[in-house]
Amino acid sequence: MKSTDCSGRTLAFLGDAVWSLLVRRDLIENGEGKGNDLQRKSVKYVSAKAQAAFYDALHASGFLTEEEEEYFRRGRNANAGSVPRSTPVAVYRKSTGFEAMIGALELEGKRDRIEEIWKEVGNSRR
């Protein structure tokens, strides 16, 4: 399946899982703690606020390709359904766009690029 066959919401669904797995694997491999400590640390990477900030930093630095920006826009512009009360709509939409971008890269088999994105943003959160 190609990313062009999926809606922005579907790409975000996949991207959420891919990003969460990447974060969790990294935390465990780097001995970042156990149990509740791992969950608390993972929020620095998987929360809507964190993902929106990652996108902002990547976008501002020109790190993303035009194709990645298009994936982001597809996810950001998707019908969000319900937004958690604790999250501003703009932040939620940005995080959905970020997840859609990661999901599209996964479907396109661009795991190396996902790793590059992780390295660019991951170390800044430690």
PDB file of N, CA and C in Angstrom:
ATOM      1  N   MET A   1       0.844  -1.175   0.000  1.00  0.00           N
ATOM      2  CA  MET A   1       0.000   0.000   0.000  1.00  0.00           C
ATOM      3  C   MET A   1       0.890   1.240   0.000  1.00  0.00           C
ATOM      4  N   LYS A   2       0.447   2.254  -0.694  1.00  0.00           N
ATOM      5  CA  LYS A   2       1.197   3.511  -0.754  1.00  0.00           C
ATOM      6  C   LYS A   2       0.520   4.553   0.131  1.00  0.00           C
ATOM      7  N   SER A   3       1.311   5.526   0.542  1.00  0.00           N
ATOM      8  CA  SER A   3       0.763   6.573   1.405  1.00  0.00           C
ATOM      9  C   SER A   3      -0.323   7.377   0.700  1.00  0.00           C
ATOM     10  N   THR A   4      -0.265   7.453  -0.621  1.00  0.00           N
ATOM     11  CA  THR A   4      -1.274   8.210  -1.368  1.00  0.00           C
ATOM     12  C   THR A   4      -2.641   7.536  -1.327  1.00  0.00           C
ATOM     13  N   ASP A   5      -2.668   6.260  -0.940  1.00  0.00           N
ATOM     14  CA  ASP A   5      -3.932   5.526  -0.847  1.00  0.00           C
ATOM     15  C   ASP A   5      -4.634   5.738   0.490  1.00  0.00           C
ATOM     16  N   CYS A   6      -4.000   6.443   1.409  1.00  0.00           N
ATOM     17  CA  CYS A   6      -4.525   6.585   2.770  1.00  0.00           C
ATOM     18  C   CYS A   6      -4.914   8.025   3.076  1.00  0.00           C
ATOM     19  N   SER A   7      -5.898   8.160   3.928  1.00  0.00           N
ATOM     20  CA  SER A   7      -6.277   9.490   4.412  1.00  0.00           C
ATOM     21  C   SER A   7      -5.231   9.992   5.401  1.00  0.00           C
ATOM     22  N   GLY A   8      -5.271  11.270   5.671  1.00  0.00           N
ATOM     23  CA  GLY A   8      -4.372  11.846   6.661  1.00  0.00           C
ATOM     24  C   GLY A   8      -4.557  11.223   8.028  1.00  0.00           C
ATOM     25  N   ARG A   9      -5.796  10.934   8.397  1.00  0.00           N
ATOM     26  CA  ARG A   9      -6.079  10.308   9.701  1.00  0.00           C
ATOM     27  C   ARG A   9      -5.506   8.897   9.767  1.00  0.00           C
ATOM     28  N   THR A  10      -5.585   8.168   8.663  1.00  0.00           N
ATOM     29  CA  THR A  10      -5.038   6.817   8.633  1.00  0.00           C
ATOM     30  C   THR A  10      -3.518   6.862   8.753  1.00  0.00           C
ATOM     31  N   LEU A  11      -2.900   7.788   8.059  1.00  0.00           N
ATOM     32  CA  LEU A  11      -1.449   7.944   8.168  1.00  0.00           C
ATOM     33  C   LEU A  11      -1.050   8.306   9.594  1.00  0.00           C
ATOM     34  N   ALA A  12      -1.824   9.168  10.232  1.00  0.00           N
ATOM     35  CA  ALA A  12      -1.540   9.566  11.613  1.00  0.00           C
ATOM     36  C   ALA A  12      -1.685   8.379  12.560  1.00  0.00           C
ATOM     37  N   PHE A  13      -2.670   7.535  12.319  1.00  0.00           N
ATOM     38  CA  PHE A  13      -2.874   6.330  13.135  1.00  0.00           C
ATOM     39  C   PHE A  13      -1.626   5.457  13.090  1.00  0.00           C
ATOM     40  N   LEU A  14      -1.105   5.232  11.895  1.00  0.00           N
ATOM     41  CA  LEU A  14       0.105   4.421  11.744  1.00  0.00           C
ATOM     42  C   LEU A  14       1.308   5.161  12.328  1.00  0.00           C
ATOM     43  N   GLY A  15       1.431   6.444  12.038  1.00  0.00           N
ATOM     44  CA  GLY A  15       2.568   7.216  12.528  1.00  0.00           C
ATOM     45  C   GLY A  15       2.645   7.251  14.042  1.00  0.00           C
ATOM     46  N   ASP A  16       1.502   7.306  14.708  1.00  0.00           N
ATOM     47  CA  ASP A  16       1.461   7.280  16.172  1.00  0.00           C
ATOM     48  C   ASP A  16       2.110   5.999  16.683  1.00  0.00           C
ATOM     49  N   ALA A  17       1.770   4.879  16.085  1.00  0.00           N
ATOM     50  CA  ALA A  17       2.321   3.589  16.515  1.00  0.00           C
ATOM     51  C   ALA A  17       3.820   3.509  16.223  1.00  0.00           C
ATOM     52  N   VAL A  18       4.225   3.946  15.049  1.00  0.00           N
ATOM     53  CA  VAL A  18       5.638   3.903  14.661  1.00  0.00           C
ATOM     54  C   VAL A  18       6.471   4.770  15.598  1.00  0.00           C
ATOM     55  N   TRP A  19       6.024   5.997  15.833  1.00  0.00           N
ATOM     56  CA  TRP A  19       6.751   6.926  16.699  1.00  0.00           C
ATOM     57  C   TRP A  19       6.806   6.407  18.132  1.00  0.00           C
ATOM     58  N   SER A  20       5.688   5.891  18.631  1.00  0.00           N
ATOM     59  CA  SER A  20       5.648   5.364  20.000  1.00  0.00           C
ATOM     60  C   SER A  20       6.625   4.203  20.162  1.00  0.00           C
ATOM     61  N   LEU A  21       6.665   3.318  19.190  1.00  0.00           N
ATOM     62  CA  LEU A  21       7.587   2.191  19.263  1.00  0.00           C
ATOM     63  C   LEU A  21       9.042   2.668  19.240  1.00  0.00           C
ATOM     64  N   LEU A  22       9.329   3.620  18.387  1.00  0.00           N
ATOM     65  CA  LEU A  22      10.676   4.183  18.296  1.00  0.00           C
ATOM     66  C   LEU A  22      11.096   4.788  19.637  1.00  0.00           C
ATOM     67  N   VAL A  23      10.223   5.554  20.233  1.00  0.00           N
ATOM     68  CA  VAL A  23      10.500   6.196  21.515  1.00  0.00           C
ATOM     69  C   VAL A  23      10.709   5.151  22.603  1.00  0.00           C
ATOM     70  N   ARG A  24       9.805   4.194  22.690  1.00  0.00           N
ATOM     71  CA  ARG A  24       9.885   3.184  23.746  1.00  0.00           C
ATOM     72  C   ARG A  24      11.140   2.332  23.615  1.00  0.00           C
ATOM     73  N   ARG A  25      11.453   1.954  22.385  1.00  0.00           N
ATOM     74  CA  ARG A  25      12.662   1.165  22.160  1.00  0.00           C
ATOM     75  C   ARG A  25      13.899   1.950  22.597  1.00  0.00           C
ATOM     76  N   ASP A  26      13.965   3.225  22.223  1.00  0.00           N
ATOM     77  CA  ASP A  26      15.112   4.044  22.575  1.00  0.00           C
ATOM     78  C   ASP A  26      15.240   4.201  24.091  1.00  0.00           C
ATOM     79  N   LEU A  27      14.146   4.449  24.767  1.00  0.00           N
ATOM     80  CA  LEU A  27      14.193   4.599  26.218  1.00  0.00           C
ATOM     81  C   LEU A  27      14.708   3.332  26.892  1.00  0.00           C
ATOM     82  N   ILE A  28      14.232   2.184  26.453  1.00  0.00           N
ATOM     83  CA  ILE A  28      14.655   0.918  27.041  1.00  0.00           C
ATOM     84  C   ILE A  28      16.117   0.629  26.716  1.00  0.00           C
ATOM     85  N   GLU A  29      16.502   0.822  25.464  1.00  0.00           N
ATOM     86  CA  GLU A  29      17.889   0.569  25.061  1.00  0.00           C
ATOM     87  C   GLU A  29      18.873   1.466  25.800  1.00  0.00           C
ATOM     88  N   ASN A  30      18.443   2.639  26.187  1.00  0.00           N
ATOM     89  CA  ASN A  30      19.320   3.576  26.884  1.00  0.00           C
ATOM     90  C   ASN A  30      19.150   3.534  28.398  1.00  0.00           C
ATOM     91  N   GLY A  31      18.464   2.489  28.899  1.00  0.00           N
ATOM     92  CA  GLY A  31      18.336   2.295  30.337  1.00  0.00           C
ATOM     93  C   GLY A  31      17.686   3.445  31.066  1.00  0.00           C
ATOM     94  N   GLU A  32      16.643   3.992  30.465  1.00  0.00           N
ATOM     95  CA  GLU A  32      16.001   5.191  31.019  1.00  0.00           C
ATOM     96  C   GLU A  32      15.034   4.929  32.163  1.00  0.00           C
ATOM     97  N   GLY A  33      15.001   3.743  32.705  1.00  0.00           N
ATOM     98  CA  GLY A  33      14.128   3.493  33.843  1.00  0.00           C
ATOM     99  C   GLY A  33      13.214   2.315  33.643  1.00  0.00           C
ATOM    100  N   LYS A  34      12.240   2.209  34.524  1.00  0.00           N
ATOM    101  CA  LYS A  34      11.305   1.083  34.494  1.00  0.00           C
ATOM    102  C   LYS A  34       9.885   1.588  34.765  1.00  0.00           C
ATOM    103  N   GLY A  35       8.916   0.791  34.335  1.00  0.00           N
ATOM    104  CA  GLY A  35       7.515   1.009  34.666  1.00  0.00           C
ATOM    105  C   GLY A  35       7.010   2.423  34.458  1.00  0.00           C
ATOM    106  N   ASN A  36       6.498   3.013  35.536  1.00  0.00           N
ATOM    107  CA  ASN A  36       5.917   4.357  35.470  1.00  0.00           C
ATOM    108  C   ASN A  36       6.929   5.395  35.025  1.00  0.00           C
ATOM    109  N   ASP A  37       8.186   5.190  35.357  1.00  0.00           N
ATOM    110  CA  ASP A  37       9.233   6.118  34.953  1.00  0.00           C
ATOM    111  C   ASP A  37       9.347   6.160  33.426  1.00  0.00           C
ATOM    112  N   LEU A  38       9.251   4.999  32.799  1.00  0.00           N
ATOM    113  CA  LEU A  38       9.299   4.937  31.334  1.00  0.00           C
ATOM    114  C   LEU A  38       8.115   5.688  30.722  1.00  0.00           C
ATOM    115  N   GLN A  39       6.952   5.484  31.289  1.00  0.00           N
ATOM    116  CA  GLN A  39       5.761   6.160  30.764  1.00  0.00           C
ATOM    117  C   GLN A  39       5.910   7.675  30.877  1.00  0.00           C
ATOM    118  N   ARG A  40       6.378   8.136  32.007  1.00  0.00           N
ATOM    119  CA  ARG A  40       6.562   9.569  32.231  1.00  0.00           C
ATOM    120  C   ARG A  40       7.572  10.144  31.242  1.00  0.00           C
ATOM    121  N   LYS A  41       8.657   9.434  31.018  1.00  0.00           N
ATOM    122  CA  LYS A  41       9.675   9.909  30.086  1.00  0.00           C
ATOM    123  C   LYS A  41       9.192   9.866  28.640  1.00  0.00           C
ATOM    124  N   SER A  42       8.380   8.882  28.304  1.00  0.00           N
ATOM    125  CA  SER A  42       7.900   8.774  26.919  1.00  0.00           C
ATOM    126  C   SER A  42       7.011   9.946  26.534  1.00  0.00           C
ATOM    127  N   VAL A  43       6.321  10.535  27.504  1.00  0.00           N
ATOM    128  CA  VAL A  43       5.428  11.661  27.223  1.00  0.00           C
ATOM    129  C   VAL A  43       6.205  12.838  26.639  1.00  0.00           C
ATOM    130  N   LYS A  44       7.490  12.945  26.942  1.00  0.00           N
ATOM    131  CA  LYS A  44       8.317  14.012  26.384  1.00  0.00           C
ATOM    132  C   LYS A  44       8.409  13.915  24.866  1.00  0.00           C
ATOM    133  N   TYR A  45       8.056  12.744  24.326  1.00  0.00           N
ATOM    134  CA  TYR A  45       8.193  12.496  22.897  1.00  0.00           C
ATOM    135  C   TYR A  45       6.882  12.206  22.181  1.00  0.00           C
ATOM    136  N   VAL A  46       5.905  11.665  22.907  1.00  0.00           N
ATOM    137  CA  VAL A  46       4.685  11.209  22.233  1.00  0.00           C
ATOM    138  C   VAL A  46       3.458  12.068  22.509  1.00  0.00           C
ATOM    139  N   SER A  47       3.577  13.071  23.344  1.00  0.00           N
ATOM    140  CA  SER A  47       2.415  13.925  23.606  1.00  0.00           C
ATOM    141  C   SER A  47       2.159  14.853  22.422  1.00  0.00           C
ATOM    142  N   ALA A  48       0.935  15.327  22.318  1.00  0.00           N
ATOM    143  CA  ALA A  48       0.590  16.266  21.244  1.00  0.00           C
ATOM    144  C   ALA A  48       1.470  17.509  21.328  1.00  0.00           C
ATOM    145  N   LYS A  49       1.691  18.008  22.524  1.00  0.00           N
ATOM    146  CA  LYS A  49       2.515  19.211  22.705  1.00  0.00           C
ATOM    147  C   LYS A  49       3.944  18.964  22.207  1.00  0.00           C
ATOM    148  N   ALA A  50       4.518  17.819  22.559  1.00  0.00           N
ATOM    149  CA  ALA A  50       5.888  17.502  22.139  1.00  0.00           C
ATOM    150  C   ALA A  50       5.970  17.354  20.626  1.00  0.00           C
ATOM    151  N   GLN A  51       5.024  16.638  20.040  1.00  0.00           N
ATOM    152  CA  GLN A  51       5.063  16.413  18.596  1.00  0.00           C
ATOM    153  C   GLN A  51       4.862  17.705  17.822  1.00  0.00           C
ATOM    154  N   ALA A  52       4.009  18.576  18.310  1.00  0.00           N
ATOM    155  CA  ALA A  52       3.824  19.880  17.663  1.00  0.00           C
ATOM    156  C   ALA A  52       5.121  20.686  17.732  1.00  0.00           C
ATOM    157  N   ALA A  53       5.796  20.625  18.874  1.00  0.00           N
ATOM    158  CA  ALA A  53       7.071  21.331  19.021  1.00  0.00           C
ATOM    159  C   ALA A  53       8.140  20.737  18.100  1.00  0.00           C
ATOM    160  N   PHE A  54       8.150  19.416  17.956  1.00  0.00           N
ATOM    161  CA  PHE A  54       9.097  18.772  17.040  1.00  0.00           C
ATOM    162  C   PHE A  54       8.870  19.280  15.618  1.00  0.00           C
ATOM    163  N   TYR A  55       7.607  19.302  15.216  1.00  0.00           N
ATOM    164  CA  TYR A  55       7.322  19.783  13.863  1.00  0.00           C
ATOM    165  C   TYR A  55       7.800  21.230  13.700  1.00  0.00           C
ATOM    166  N   ASP A  56       7.469  22.078  14.657  1.00  0.00           N
ATOM    167  CA  ASP A  56       7.862  23.490  14.565  1.00  0.00           C
ATOM    168  C   ASP A  56       9.374  23.638  14.399  1.00  0.00           C
ATOM    169  N   ALA A  57      10.134  22.875  15.179  1.00  0.00           N
ATOM    170  CA  ALA A  57      11.595  22.969  15.110  1.00  0.00           C
ATOM    171  C   ALA A  57      12.122  22.443  13.774  1.00  0.00           C
ATOM    172  N   LEU A  58      11.596  21.324  13.320  1.00  0.00           N
ATOM    173  CA  LEU A  58      12.027  20.749  12.043  1.00  0.00           C
ATOM    174  C   LEU A  58      11.685  21.682  10.880  1.00  0.00           C
ATOM    175  N   HIS A  59      10.490  22.236  10.933  1.00  0.00           N
ATOM    176  CA  HIS A  59      10.034  23.145   9.877  1.00  0.00           C
ATOM    177  C   HIS A  59      10.890  24.419   9.858  1.00  0.00           C
ATOM    178  N   ALA A  60      11.104  25.004  11.025  1.00  0.00           N
ATOM    179  CA  ALA A  60      11.858  26.259  11.114  1.00  0.00           C
ATOM    180  C   ALA A  60      13.301  26.097  10.632  1.00  0.00           C
ATOM    181  N   SER A  61      13.871  24.918  10.850  1.00  0.00           N
ATOM    182  CA  SER A  61      15.264  24.699  10.452  1.00  0.00           C
ATOM    183  C   SER A  61      15.407  24.266   8.993  1.00  0.00           C
ATOM    184  N   GLY A  62      14.272  24.035   8.320  1.00  0.00           N
ATOM    185  CA  GLY A  62      14.323  23.598   6.933  1.00  0.00           C
ATOM    186  C   GLY A  62      14.727  22.138   6.780  1.00  0.00           C
ATOM    187  N   PHE A  63      14.596  21.370   7.833  1.00  0.00           N
ATOM    188  CA  PHE A  63      15.017  19.965   7.840  1.00  0.00           C
ATOM    189  C   PHE A  63      14.115  19.074   6.980  1.00  0.00           C
ATOM    190  N   LEU A  64      12.846  19.444   6.877  1.00  0.00           N
ATOM    191  CA  LEU A  64      11.874  18.588   6.188  1.00  0.00           C
ATOM    192  C   LEU A  64      11.879  18.843   4.681  1.00  0.00           C
ATOM    193  N   THR A  65      11.636  17.760   3.936  1.00  0.00           N
ATOM    194  CA  THR A  65      11.515  17.879   2.485  1.00  0.00           C
ATOM    195  C   THR A  65      10.114  18.388   2.144  1.00  0.00           C
ATOM    196  N   GLU A  66       9.933  18.822   0.919  1.00  0.00           N
ATOM    197  CA  GLU A  66       8.601  19.267   0.491  1.00  0.00           C
ATOM    198  C   GLU A  66       7.604  18.115   0.569  1.00  0.00           C
ATOM    199  N   GLU A  67       8.043  16.918   0.238  1.00  0.00           N
ATOM    200  CA  GLU A  67       7.178  15.741   0.330  1.00  0.00           C
ATOM    201  C   GLU A  67       6.728  15.519   1.777  1.00  0.00           C
ATOM    202  N   GLU A  68       7.633  15.656   2.725  1.00  0.00           N
ATOM    203  CA  GLU A  68       7.293  15.498   4.137  1.00  0.00           C
ATOM    204  C   GLU A  68       6.344  16.597   4.602  1.00  0.00           C
ATOM    205  N   GLU A  69       6.560  17.804   4.123  1.00  0.00           N
ATOM    206  CA  GLU A  69       5.641  18.901   4.458  1.00  0.00           C
ATOM    207  C   GLU A  69       4.238  18.604   3.924  1.00  0.00           C
ATOM    208  N   GLU A  70       4.152  17.999   2.752  1.00  0.00           N
ATOM    209  CA  GLU A  70       2.845  17.642   2.187  1.00  0.00           C
ATOM    210  C   GLU A  70       2.169  16.565   3.033  1.00  0.00           C
ATOM    211  N   TYR A  71       2.923  15.571   3.465  1.00  0.00           N
ATOM    212  CA  TYR A  71       2.371  14.549   4.369  1.00  0.00           C
ATOM    213  C   TYR A  71       1.832  15.223   5.630  1.00  0.00           C
ATOM    214  N   PHE A  72       2.624  16.152   6.178  1.00  0.00           N
ATOM    215  CA  PHE A  72       2.203  16.880   7.379  1.00  0.00           C
ATOM    216  C   PHE A  72       0.878  17.598   7.139  1.00  0.00           C
ATOM    217  N   ARG A  73       0.784  18.320   6.018  1.00  0.00           N
ATOM    218  CA  ARG A  73      -0.448  19.076   5.721  1.00  0.00           C
ATOM    219  C   ARG A  73      -1.652  18.149   5.579  1.00  0.00           C
ATOM    220  N   ARG A  74      -1.460  16.989   4.974  1.00  0.00           N
ATOM    221  CA  ARG A  74      -2.565  16.031   4.838  1.00  0.00           C
ATOM    222  C   ARG A  74      -3.102  15.620   6.198  1.00  0.00           C
ATOM    223  N   GLY A  75      -2.206  15.359   7.127  1.00  0.00           N
ATOM    224  CA  GLY A  75      -2.635  14.970   8.468  1.00  0.00           C
ATOM    225  C   GLY A  75      -3.212  16.131   9.253  1.00  0.00           C
ATOM    226  N   ARG A  76      -2.582  17.284   9.159  1.00  0.00           N
ATOM    227  CA  ARG A  76      -3.050  18.466   9.901  1.00  0.00           C
ATOM    228  C   ARG A  76      -4.442  18.879   9.453  1.00  0.00           C
ATOM    229  N   ASN A  77      -4.697  18.757   8.161  1.00  0.00           N
ATOM    230  CA  ASN A  77      -5.970  19.205   7.611  1.00  0.00           C
ATOM    231  C   ASN A  77      -7.074  18.156   7.685  1.00  0.00           C
ATOM    232  N   ALA A  78      -6.741  16.961   8.150  1.00  0.00           N
ATOM    233  CA  ALA A  78      -7.739  15.894   8.247  1.00  0.00           C
ATOM    234  C   ALA A  78      -8.771  16.249   9.312  1.00  0.00           C
ATOM    235  N   ASN A  79      -9.968  15.750   9.131  1.00  0.00           N
ATOM    236  CA  ASN A  79     -11.025  15.955  10.120  1.00  0.00           C
ATOM    237  C   ASN A  79     -10.606  15.289  11.418  1.00  0.00           C
ATOM    238  N   ALA A  80     -10.394  16.078  12.443  1.00  0.00           N
ATOM    239  CA  ALA A  80      -9.835  15.574  13.693  1.00  0.00           C
ATOM    240  C   ALA A  80     -10.843  14.833  14.562  1.00  0.00           C
ATOM    241  N   GLY A  81     -12.109  14.972  14.311  1.00  0.00           N
ATOM    242  CA  GLY A  81     -13.073  14.359  15.203  1.00  0.00           C
ATOM    243  C   GLY A  81     -13.050  15.095  16.531  1.00  0.00           C
ATOM    244  N   SER A  82     -12.904  14.361  17.621  1.00  0.00           N
ATOM    245  CA  SER A  82     -12.874  15.016  18.930  1.00  0.00           C
ATOM    246  C   SER A  82     -11.431  15.294  19.345  1.00  0.00           C
ATOM    247  N   VAL A  83     -11.249  16.440  19.960  1.00  0.00           N
ATOM    248  CA  VAL A  83      -9.940  16.873  20.437  1.00  0.00           C
ATOM    249  C   VAL A  83      -9.972  16.834  21.964  1.00  0.00           C
ATOM    250  N   PRO A  84      -8.945  16.267  22.593  1.00  0.00           N
ATOM    251  CA  PRO A  84      -8.920  16.250  24.063  1.00  0.00           C
ATOM    252  C   PRO A  84      -9.039  17.657  24.633  1.00  0.00           C
ATOM    253  N   ARG A  85      -9.799  17.809  25.699  1.00  0.00           N
ATOM    254  CA  ARG A  85     -10.026  19.128  26.292  1.00  0.00           C
ATOM    255  C   ARG A  85      -8.748  19.790  26.769  1.00  0.00           C
ATOM    256  N   SER A  86      -7.773  18.993  27.162  1.00  0.00           N
ATOM    257  CA  SER A  86      -6.535  19.546  27.707  1.00  0.00           C
ATOM    258  C   SER A  86      -5.556  20.007  26.626  1.00  0.00           C
ATOM    259  N   THR A  87      -5.921  19.802  25.360  1.00  0.00           N
ATOM    260  CA  THR A  87      -5.017  20.135  24.252  1.00  0.00           C
ATOM    261  C   THR A  87      -5.664  21.168  23.338  1.00  0.00           C
ATOM    262  N   PRO A  88      -4.994  22.288  23.098  1.00  0.00           N
ATOM    263  CA  PRO A  88      -5.529  23.265  22.138  1.00  0.00           C
ATOM    264  C   PRO A  88      -5.663  22.635  20.743  1.00  0.00           C
ATOM    265  N   VAL A  89      -6.682  23.029  20.013  1.00  0.00           N
ATOM    266  CA  VAL A  89      -6.955  22.452  18.692  1.00  0.00           C
ATOM    267  C   VAL A  89      -5.752  22.592  17.769  1.00  0.00           C
ATOM    268  N   ALA A  90      -5.112  23.742  17.754  1.00  0.00           N
ATOM    269  CA  ALA A  90      -3.970  23.961  16.860  1.00  0.00           C
ATOM    270  C   ALA A  90      -2.830  23.001  17.176  1.00  0.00           C
ATOM    271  N   VAL A  91      -2.590  22.747  18.448  1.00  0.00           N
ATOM    272  CA  VAL A  91      -1.530  21.817  18.861  1.00  0.00           C
ATOM    273  C   VAL A  91      -1.905  20.398  18.447  1.00  0.00           C
ATOM    274  N   TYR A  92      -3.135  20.023  18.662  1.00  0.00           N
ATOM    275  CA  TYR A  92      -3.602  18.682  18.300  1.00  0.00           C
ATOM    276  C   TYR A  92      -3.477  18.459  16.791  1.00  0.00           C
ATOM    277  N   ARG A  93      -3.858  19.442  16.011  1.00  0.00           N
ATOM    278  CA  ARG A  93      -3.782  19.306  14.556  1.00  0.00           C
ATOM    279  C   ARG A  93      -2.335  19.198  14.083  1.00  0.00           C
ATOM    280  N   LYS A  94      -1.439  19.967  14.695  1.00  0.00           N
ATOM    281  CA  LYS A  94      -0.023  19.877  14.339  1.00  0.00           C
ATOM    282  C   LYS A  94       0.530  18.503  14.678  1.00  0.00           C
ATOM    283  N   SER A  95       0.178  17.986  15.845  1.00  0.00           N
ATOM    284  CA  SER A  95       0.678  16.666  16.226  1.00  0.00           C
ATOM    285  C   SER A  95       0.114  15.589  15.307  1.00  0.00           C
ATOM    286  N   THR A  96      -1.125  15.746  14.876  1.00  0.00           N
ATOM    287  CA  THR A  96      -1.705  14.803  13.915  1.00  0.00           C
ATOM    288  C   THR A  96      -0.955  14.875  12.592  1.00  0.00           C
ATOM    289  N   GLY A  97      -0.581  16.070  12.182  1.00  0.00           N
ATOM    290  CA  GLY A  97       0.212  16.229  10.965  1.00  0.00           C
ATOM    291  C   GLY A  97       1.574  15.571  11.096  1.00  0.00           C
ATOM    292  N   PHE A  98       2.210  15.742  12.253  1.00  0.00           N
ATOM    293  CA  PHE A  98       3.507  15.106  12.505  1.00  0.00           C
ATOM    294  C   PHE A  98       3.380  13.593  12.420  1.00  0.00           C
ATOM    295  N   GLU A  99       2.352  13.046  13.064  1.00  0.00           N
ATOM    296  CA  GLU A  99       2.134  11.597  13.030  1.00  0.00           C
ATOM    297  C   GLU A  99       1.842  11.108  11.613  1.00  0.00           C
ATOM    298  N   ALA A 100       1.077  11.877  10.852  1.00  0.00           N
ATOM    299  CA  ALA A 100       0.780  11.497   9.465  1.00  0.00           C
ATOM    300  C   ALA A 100       2.062  11.453   8.641  1.00  0.00           C
ATOM    301  N   MET A 101       2.938  12.410   8.867  1.00  0.00           N
ATOM    302  CA  MET A 101       4.221  12.431   8.162  1.00  0.00           C
ATOM    303  C   MET A 101       5.021  11.167   8.477  1.00  0.00           C
ATOM    304  N   ILE A 102       5.080  10.781   9.742  1.00  0.00           N
ATOM    305  CA  ILE A 102       5.812   9.575  10.136  1.00  0.00           C
ATOM    306  C   ILE A 102       5.141   8.337   9.535  1.00  0.00           C
ATOM    307  N   GLY A 103       3.809   8.292   9.557  1.00  0.00           N
ATOM    308  CA  GLY A 103       3.087   7.159   8.972  1.00  0.00           C
ATOM    309  C   GLY A 103       3.325   7.026   7.480  1.00  0.00           C
ATOM    310  N   ALA A 104       3.339   8.143   6.776  1.00  0.00           N
ATOM    311  CA  ALA A 104       3.586   8.121   5.332  1.00  0.00           C
ATOM    312  C   ALA A 104       4.998   7.628   5.038  1.00  0.00           C
ATOM    313  N   LEU A 105       5.968   8.104   5.800  1.00  0.00           N
ATOM    314  CA  LEU A 105       7.343   7.653   5.602  1.00  0.00           C
ATOM    315  C   LEU A 105       7.452   6.139   5.845  1.00  0.00           C
ATOM    316  N   GLU A 106       6.751   5.651   6.847  1.00  0.00           N
ATOM    317  CA  GLU A 106       6.750   4.204   7.118  1.00  0.00           C
ATOM    318  C   GLU A 106       6.163   3.433   5.943  1.00  0.00           C
ATOM    319  N   LEU A 107       5.025   3.878   5.436  1.00  0.00           N
ATOM    320  CA  LEU A 107       4.407   3.179   4.300  1.00  0.00           C
ATOM    321  C   LEU A 107       5.276   3.225   3.052  1.00  0.00           C
ATOM    322  N   GLU A 108       6.033   4.292   2.899  1.00  0.00           N
ATOM    323  CA  GLU A 108       6.912   4.434   1.734  1.00  0.00           C
ATOM    324  C   GLU A 108       8.235   3.686   1.927  1.00  0.00           C
ATOM    325  N   GLY A 109       8.387   3.029   3.085  1.00  0.00           N
ATOM    326  CA  GLY A 109       9.601   2.272   3.355  1.00  0.00           C
ATOM    327  C   GLY A 109      10.809   3.129   3.677  1.00  0.00           C
ATOM    328  N   LYS A 110      10.576   4.352   4.148  1.00  0.00           N
ATOM    329  CA  LYS A 110      11.660   5.300   4.414  1.00  0.00           C
ATOM    330  C   LYS A 110      12.005   5.315   5.904  1.00  0.00           C
ATOM    331  N   ARG A 111      12.327   4.147   6.423  1.00  0.00           N
ATOM    332  CA  ARG A 111      12.650   4.032   7.846  1.00  0.00           C
ATOM    333  C   ARG A 111      13.931   4.773   8.206  1.00  0.00           C
ATOM    334  N   ASP A 112      14.871   4.831   7.272  1.00  0.00           N
ATOM    335  CA  ASP A 112      16.101   5.586   7.544  1.00  0.00           C
ATOM    336  C   ASP A 112      15.794   7.057   7.778  1.00  0.00           C
ATOM    337  N   ARG A 113      14.832   7.582   7.040  1.00  0.00           N
ATOM    338  CA  ARG A 113      14.464   8.988   7.221  1.00  0.00           C
ATOM    339  C   ARG A 113      13.774   9.192   8.564  1.00  0.00           C
ATOM    340  N   ILE A 114      12.960   8.240   8.975  1.00  0.00           N
ATOM    341  CA  ILE A 114      12.325   8.331  10.295  1.00  0.00           C
ATOM    342  C   ILE A 114      13.410   8.370  11.370  1.00  0.00           C
ATOM    343  N   GLU A 115      14.424   7.539  11.218  1.00  0.00           N
ATOM    344  CA  GLU A 115      15.539   7.535  12.171  1.00  0.00           C
ATOM    345  C   GLU A 115      16.276   8.882  12.168  1.00  0.00           C
ATOM    346  N   GLU A 116      16.446   9.482  10.992  1.00  0.00           N
ATOM    347  CA  GLU A 116      17.086  10.803  10.915  1.00  0.00           C
ATOM    348  C   GLU A 116      16.264  11.847  11.668  1.00  0.00           C
ATOM    349  N   ILE A 117      14.951  11.784  11.487  1.00  0.00           N
ATOM    350  CA  ILE A 117      14.061  12.710  12.199  1.00  0.00           C
ATOM    351  C   ILE A 117      14.182  12.480  13.701  1.00  0.00           C
ATOM    352  N   TRP A 118      14.193  11.217  14.102  1.00  0.00           N
ATOM    353  CA  TRP A 118      14.328  10.885  15.518  1.00  0.00           C
ATOM    354  C   TRP A 118      15.622  11.469  16.082  1.00  0.00           C
ATOM    355  N   LYS A 119      16.720  11.269  15.374  1.00  0.00           N
ATOM    356  CA  LYS A 119      18.007  11.785  15.856  1.00  0.00           C
ATOM    357  C   LYS A 119      17.991  13.304  15.951  1.00  0.00           C
ATOM    358  N   GLU A 120      17.327  13.944  15.006  1.00  0.00           N
ATOM    359  CA  GLU A 120      17.263  15.412  14.999  1.00  0.00           C
ATOM    360  C   GLU A 120      16.484  15.946  16.206  1.00  0.00           C
ATOM    361  N   VAL A 121      15.378  15.289  16.559  1.00  0.00           N
ATOM    362  CA  VAL A 121      14.555  15.794  17.660  1.00  0.00           C
ATOM    363  C   VAL A 121      14.765  15.052  18.978  1.00  0.00           C
ATOM    364  N   GLY A 122      15.140  13.786  18.906  1.00  0.00           N
ATOM    365  CA  GLY A 122      15.242  12.969  20.105  1.00  0.00           C
ATOM    366  C   GLY A 122      16.267  13.451  21.105  1.00  0.00           C
ATOM    367  N   ASN A 123      17.428  13.796  20.626  1.00  0.00           N
ATOM    368  CA  ASN A 123      18.486  14.210  21.536  1.00  0.00           C
ATOM    369  C   ASN A 123      18.203  15.554  22.189  1.00  0.00           C
ATOM    370  N   SER A 124      17.379  16.365  21.547  1.00  0.00           N
ATOM    371  CA  SER A 124      17.078  17.673  22.124  1.00  0.00           C
ATOM    372  C   SER A 124      16.161  17.572  23.340  1.00  0.00           C
ATOM    373  N   ARG A 125      15.540  16.428  23.558  1.00  0.00           N
ATOM    374  CA  ARG A 125      14.585  16.276  24.659  1.00  0.00           C
ATOM    375  C   ARG A 125      15.179  15.598  25.900  1.00  0.00           C
ATOM    376  N   ARG A 126      16.398  15.154  25.818  1.00  0.00           N
ATOM    377  CA  ARG A 126      17.002  14.429  26.955  1.00  0.00           C
ATOM    378  C   ARG A 126      17.389  15.373  28.068  1.00  0.00           C
TER     379      ARG A 126
END
